[in-house]
Protein backbone atom coordinates (compact mmCIF):
# COMPACT_ATOMS: atom_id res chain seq x y z
CA MET A 1 -0.04 0.57 -0.08
CA SER A 2 1.41 3.21 -0.94
CA GLN A 3 1.22 6.17 1.98
CA SER A 4 -0.79 9.84 0.71
CA PRO A 5 1.78 12.58 0.01
CA PRO A 6 2.45 14.86 3.42
CA SER A 7 -0.62 18.51 3.35
CA ALA A 8 2.13 20.75 2.44
CA PHE A 9 1.20 24.74 1.80
CA CYS A 10 2.39 28.22 0.39
CA GLN A 11 2.75 31.53 2.34
CA TRP A 12 3.64 34.49 0.88
CA GLY A 13 3.06 38.24 1.89
CA THR A 14 4.75 41.92 0.54
CA THR A 15 7.05 42.62 2.73
CA SER A 16 9.86 40.33 2.78
CA GLY A 17 9.87 37.71 5.91
CA SER A 18 5.99 38.50 6.90
CA TYR A 19 3.65 35.89 4.88
CA PRO A 20 0.23 36.93 5.84
CA SER A 21 -1.69 34.57 3.21
CA GLN A 22 -1.97 31.22 2.92
CA ALA A 23 -3.05 28.36 0.71
CA ARG A 24 -2.55 24.57 0.38
CA SER A 25 -0.57 23.10 -1.74
CA ASP A 26 -1.63 20.16 -3.42
CA PRO A 27 0.40 17.00 -5.13
CA ALA A 28 0.71 17.38 -8.83
CA TYR A 29 3.08 14.37 -9.90
CA THR A 30 4.78 11.81 -8.19
CA TYR A 31 8.16 10.58 -9.70
CA SER A 32 10.97 8.87 -9.61
CA ASN A 33 13.95 7.41 -11.83
CA ASP A 34 16.81 4.99 -11.93
CA GLY A 35 19.24 7.76 -10.40
CA GLY A 36 17.07 6.46 -7.39
CA TYR A 37 15.52 9.78 -7.21
CA SER A 38 12.17 10.08 -5.78
CA GLY A 39 9.85 12.99 -4.81
CA THR A 40 6.25 14.64 -5.16
CA LEU A 41 5.84 18.17 -7.81
CA TYR A 42 3.18 20.25 -5.78
CA THR A 43 1.05 23.06 -6.39
CA ALA A 44 -0.38 25.70 -5.01
CA LEU A 45 -3.45 28.68 -6.02
CA ILE A 46 -2.59 31.79 -5.12
CA SER A 47 -5.02 34.70 -5.45
CA GLY A 48 -6.13 38.41 -4.50
CA LEU A 49 -2.48 39.48 -6.21
CA ARG A 50 -2.13 43.07 -6.81
CA PRO A 51 -1.09 44.07 -10.64
CA GLY A 52 2.66 45.62 -10.18
CA VAL A 53 2.70 44.50 -6.74
CA ARG A 54 6.44 42.63 -5.63
CA TYR A 55 4.97 39.08 -3.27
CA TYR A 56 7.45 37.32 -1.18
CA TYR A 57 6.67 33.65 -0.35
CA GLN A 58 8.03 30.65 1.28
CA CYS A 59 6.57 26.85 0.24
CA GLY A 60 6.88 23.80 2.43
CA PHE A 61 5.59 21.88 5.88
CA PRO A 62 5.60 22.76 8.85
CA THR A 63 8.77 21.26 9.67
CA MET A 64 10.13 22.27 6.63
CA LEU A 65 10.44 25.48 4.64
CA THR A 66 11.51 27.23 1.07
CA PRO A 67 13.98 29.47 1.32
CA GLU A 68 12.60 32.96 0.40
CA TYR A 69 11.35 33.37 -2.83
CA ASN A 70 9.85 37.09 -4.56
CA PHE A 71 8.10 37.80 -8.14
CA ALA A 72 6.45 40.83 -8.40
CA ALA A 73 2.46 39.88 -10.02
CA PRO A 74 2.01 41.32 -13.89
CA THR A 75 0.62 44.62 -14.15
CA ALA A 76 -1.85 44.49 -16.75
CA ALA A 77 -5.02 41.46 -16.46
CA GLY A 78 -4.31 38.74 -18.76
CA PRO A 79 -2.33 36.09 -19.18
CA VAL A 80 1.15 36.24 -18.43
CA PRO A 81 3.55 35.38 -22.04
């Protein structure tokens, strides 16, 4: 019997080191290769972003988070090229 991947989350905000918003991150794909590596890729849907604003975020589990990353939301509505 295989185990389900653990629950994960992403947290974000507009100030480095402060993450007032949070979303669940769901397992999307589990992989393994001949080199003995395996893992699970996760996705998270975040909403309510303001155009042109820089956001700081971390993802992971309560006991293990990624380093902080950041991005700027697009300045115009619509798909990102």
